[in-house]
Amino acid sequence: MRGLPLQLAHQIVHDLFEEQRPCAVVAGAALADAHHAETLPAIERYQQRTVALGHAAVHAATAAASSADDALVPALLAEANPTIAEQIRTATDALLGEVLATASTHMTNRFSRSDG
């Protein structure tokens, strides 16, 4: 049972990035960088929440798999994976929306002579 948390983490990461979500995350990071001080609290809350969700999922899957037969462990992991993946997707979407809202309210529209 030592490899169970690693297997769960691997499946979660695989499912999260299966839908090509890194592009949205990179775009959100670029927006957040320009407004670092304003977006930092939201990003830190997101980090703490997703780590807590991951730990809770690992503990729940470990508890379920510890009493299960070894042949059933992959099925238990597959069952736990969509739940945590959806929770993290929801948290990521909320963070990206918050960062986009913050960045759009702090944008300045101006031109410079060097823009030509």
C-alpha atoms as a PDB file:
ATOM      1  CA  MET A   1       0.000   0.000   0.000  1.00  0.00           C
ATOM      2  CA  ARG A   2       2.984   2.373   0.040  1.00  0.00           C
ATOM      3  CA  GLY A   3       2.537   3.312  -3.636  1.00  0.00           C
ATOM      4  CA  LEU A   4      -1.147   4.162  -3.353  1.00  0.00           C
ATOM      5  CA  PRO A   5      -0.817   7.948  -2.854  1.00  0.00           C
ATOM      6  CA  LEU A   6       1.651   8.195  -5.743  1.00  0.00           C
ATOM      7  CA  GLN A   7      -0.691   6.264  -8.042  1.00  0.00           C
ATOM      8  CA  LEU A   8      -3.596   8.503  -7.074  1.00  0.00           C
ATOM      9  CA  ALA A   9      -1.575  11.668  -7.623  1.00  0.00           C
ATOM     10  CA  HIS A  10      -0.406  10.434 -11.029  1.00  0.00           C
ATOM     11  CA  GLN A  11      -3.971   9.689 -12.155  1.00  0.00           C
ATOM     12  CA  ILE A  12      -5.227  13.076 -10.907  1.00  0.00           C
ATOM     13  CA  VAL A  13      -2.531  14.970 -12.808  1.00  0.00           C
ATOM     14  CA  HIS A  14      -3.189  12.900 -15.929  1.00  0.00           C
ATOM     15  CA  ASP A  15      -6.916  13.690 -15.833  1.00  0.00           C
ATOM     16  CA  LEU A  16      -6.395  17.391 -15.126  1.00  0.00           C
ATOM     17  CA  PHE A  17      -4.104  17.931 -18.089  1.00  0.00           C
ATOM     18  CA  GLU A  18      -5.966  15.624 -20.449  1.00  0.00           C
ATOM     19  CA  GLU A  19      -8.215  18.523 -21.537  1.00  0.00           C
ATOM     20  CA  GLN A  20      -5.266  20.813 -22.410  1.00  0.00           C
ATOM     21  CA  ARG A  21      -5.864  23.069 -19.426  1.00  0.00           C
ATOM     22  CA  PRO A  22      -2.222  24.179 -19.128  1.00  0.00           C
ATOM     23  CA  CYS A  23      -2.846  26.937 -21.709  1.00  0.00           C
ATOM     24  CA  ALA A  24      -5.504  28.516 -19.489  1.00  0.00           C
ATOM     25  CA  VAL A  25      -3.304  28.164 -16.427  1.00  0.00           C
ATOM     26  CA  VAL A  26      -0.321  29.784 -18.185  1.00  0.00           C
ATOM     27  CA  ALA A  27      -2.518  32.652 -19.411  1.00  0.00           C
ATOM     28  CA  GLY A  28      -3.833  33.119 -15.867  1.00  0.00           C
ATOM     29  CA  ALA A  29      -0.291  33.150 -14.513  1.00  0.00           C
ATOM     30  CA  ALA A  30       0.683  35.834 -17.023  1.00  0.00           C
ATOM     31  CA  LEU A  31      -2.282  37.965 -15.952  1.00  0.00           C
ATOM     32  CA  ALA A  32      -1.533  37.406 -12.281  1.00  0.00           C
ATOM     33  CA  ASP A  33       2.113  38.383 -12.676  1.00  0.00           C
ATOM     34  CA  ALA A  34       1.230  41.901 -13.786  1.00  0.00           C
ATOM     35  CA  HIS A  35      -0.973  42.336 -10.709  1.00  0.00           C
ATOM     36  CA  HIS A  36       1.007  40.282  -8.235  1.00  0.00           C
ATOM     37  CA  ALA A  37       0.062  42.131  -5.044  1.00  0.00           C
ATOM     38  CA  GLU A  38      -3.659  42.103  -5.855  1.00  0.00           C
ATOM     39  CA  THR A  39      -3.862  38.434  -6.888  1.00  0.00           C
ATOM     40  CA  LEU A  40      -1.476  36.913  -4.339  1.00  0.00           C
ATOM     41  CA  PRO A  41      -4.120  36.234  -1.635  1.00  0.00           C
ATOM     42  CA  ALA A  42      -6.377  34.421  -4.117  1.00  0.00           C
ATOM     43  CA  ILE A  43      -3.487  32.336  -5.430  1.00  0.00           C
ATOM     44  CA  GLU A  44      -2.358  31.387  -1.922  1.00  0.00           C
ATOM     45  CA  ARG A  45      -5.920  30.389  -0.984  1.00  0.00           C
ATOM     46  CA  TYR A  46      -6.087  28.278  -4.137  1.00  0.00           C
ATOM     47  CA  GLN A  47      -2.783  26.567  -3.341  1.00  0.00           C
ATOM     48  CA  GLN A  48      -3.832  25.750   0.209  1.00  0.00           C
ATOM     49  CA  ARG A  49      -7.262  24.543  -0.874  1.00  0.00           C
ATOM     50  CA  THR A  50      -6.011  22.268  -3.648  1.00  0.00           C
ATOM     51  CA  VAL A  51      -3.307  20.763  -1.439  1.00  0.00           C
ATOM     52  CA  ALA A  52      -5.939  20.095   1.236  1.00  0.00           C
ATOM     53  CA  LEU A  53      -8.239  18.522  -1.367  1.00  0.00           C
ATOM     54  CA  GLY A  54      -5.389  16.317  -2.546  1.00  0.00           C
ATOM     55  CA  HIS A  55      -4.520  15.201   0.978  1.00  0.00           C
ATOM     56  CA  ALA A  56      -8.174  14.442   1.729  1.00  0.00           C
ATOM     57  CA  ALA A  57      -8.491  12.414  -1.475  1.00  0.00           C
ATOM     58  CA  VAL A  58      -5.336  10.446  -0.728  1.00  0.00           C
ATOM     59  CA  HIS A  59      -6.502   9.685   2.829  1.00  0.00           C
ATOM     60  CA  ALA A  60      -9.955   8.617   1.627  1.00  0.00           C
ATOM     61  CA  ALA A  61      -8.538   6.413  -1.135  1.00  0.00           C
ATOM     62  CA  THR A  62      -5.966   4.910   1.232  1.00  0.00           C
ATOM     63  CA  ALA A  63      -8.672   4.102   3.777  1.00  0.00           C
ATOM     64  CA  ALA A  64     -10.865   2.517   1.108  1.00  0.00           C
ATOM     65  CA  ALA A  65      -8.000   0.552  -0.438  1.00  0.00           C
ATOM     66  CA  SER A  66      -6.470  -0.634   2.835  1.00  0.00           C
ATOM     67  CA  SER A  67      -9.362  -2.974   3.471  1.00  0.00           C
ATOM     68  CA  ALA A  68      -9.806  -3.944  -0.194  1.00  0.00           C
ATOM     69  CA  ASP A  69      -8.240  -6.778  -2.114  1.00  0.00           C
ATOM     70  CA  ASP A  70      -5.158  -5.835  -4.166  1.00  0.00           C
ATOM     71  CA  ALA A  71      -7.019  -6.616  -7.384  1.00  0.00           C
ATOM     72  CA  LEU A  72      -9.646  -3.975  -6.543  1.00  0.00           C
ATOM     73  CA  VAL A  73      -7.173  -1.150  -5.820  1.00  0.00           C
ATOM     74  CA  PRO A  74      -6.983   0.149  -9.432  1.00  0.00           C
ATOM     75  CA  ALA A  75     -10.786   0.295  -9.611  1.00  0.00           C
ATOM     76  CA  LEU A  76     -10.929   2.205  -6.316  1.00  0.00           C
ATOM     77  CA  LEU A  77      -8.355   4.683  -7.607  1.00  0.00           C
ATOM     78  CA  ALA A  78     -10.261   5.122 -10.841  1.00  0.00           C
ATOM     79  CA  GLU A  79     -13.416   5.768  -8.826  1.00  0.00           C
ATOM     80  CA  ALA A  80     -11.750   8.390  -6.592  1.00  0.00           C
ATOM     81  CA  ASN A  81      -9.989  10.177  -9.423  1.00  0.00           C
ATOM     82  CA  PRO A  82     -12.898  11.997 -11.158  1.00  0.00           C
ATOM     83  CA  THR A  83     -14.125  13.427  -7.865  1.00  0.00           C
ATOM     84  CA  ILE A  84     -10.872  15.138  -6.916  1.00  0.00           C
ATOM     85  CA  ALA A  85     -10.172  16.120 -10.528  1.00  0.00           C
ATOM     86  CA  GLU A  86     -13.541  17.895 -10.728  1.00  0.00           C
ATOM     87  CA  GLN A  87     -12.971  19.645  -7.395  1.00  0.00           C
ATOM     88  CA  ILE A  88      -9.587  20.915  -8.570  1.00  0.00           C
ATOM     89  CA  ARG A  89     -11.023  21.948 -11.959  1.00  0.00           C
ATOM     90  CA  THR A  90     -13.726  23.945 -10.183  1.00  0.00           C
ATOM     91  CA  ALA A  91     -11.175  25.629  -7.912  1.00  0.00           C
ATOM     92  CA  THR A  92      -8.919  26.388 -10.890  1.00  0.00           C
ATOM     93  CA  ASP A  93     -11.763  27.895 -12.896  1.00  0.00           C
ATOM     94  CA  ALA A  94     -12.758  30.059  -9.931  1.00  0.00           C
ATOM     95  CA  LEU A  95      -9.167  31.254  -9.488  1.00  0.00           C
ATOM     96  CA  LEU A  96      -8.770  32.028 -13.194  1.00  0.00           C
ATOM     97  CA  GLY A  97     -12.021  34.008 -13.116  1.00  0.00           C
ATOM     98  CA  GLU A  98     -10.895  35.948 -10.075  1.00  0.00           C
ATOM     99  CA  VAL A  99      -7.475  36.689 -11.585  1.00  0.00           C
ATOM    100  CA  LEU A 100      -9.071  37.777 -14.861  1.00  0.00           C
ATOM    101  CA  ALA A 101     -11.496  40.079 -13.030  1.00  0.00           C
ATOM    102  CA  THR A 102      -8.676  41.611 -10.981  1.00  0.00           C
ATOM    103  CA  ALA A 103      -6.440  42.058 -14.017  1.00  0.00           C
ATOM    104  CA  SER A 104      -9.195  43.617 -16.102  1.00  0.00           C
ATOM    105  CA  THR A 105     -10.126  46.130 -13.410  1.00  0.00           C
ATOM    106  CA  HIS A 106      -6.494  47.202 -12.973  1.00  0.00           C
ATOM    107  CA  MET A 107      -5.631  47.487 -16.669  1.00  0.00           C
ATOM    108  CA  THR A 108      -4.688  50.848 -18.114  1.00  0.00           C
ATOM    109  CA  ASN A 109      -5.462  51.743 -21.706  1.00  0.00           C
ATOM    110  CA  ARG A 110      -2.914  54.163 -23.037  1.00  0.00           C
ATOM    111  CA  PHE A 111      -0.692  54.649 -26.031  1.00  0.00           C
ATOM    112  CA  SER A 112       2.884  55.715 -26.334  1.00  0.00           C
ATOM    113  CA  ARG A 113       4.812  57.263 -29.196  1.00  0.00           C
ATOM    114  CA  SER A 114       6.943  54.153 -29.367  1.00  0.00           C
ATOM    115  CA  ASP A 115       3.893  51.972 -30.125  1.00  0.00           C
ATOM    116  CA  GLY A 116       3.950  53.024 -33.803  1.00  0.00           C
END
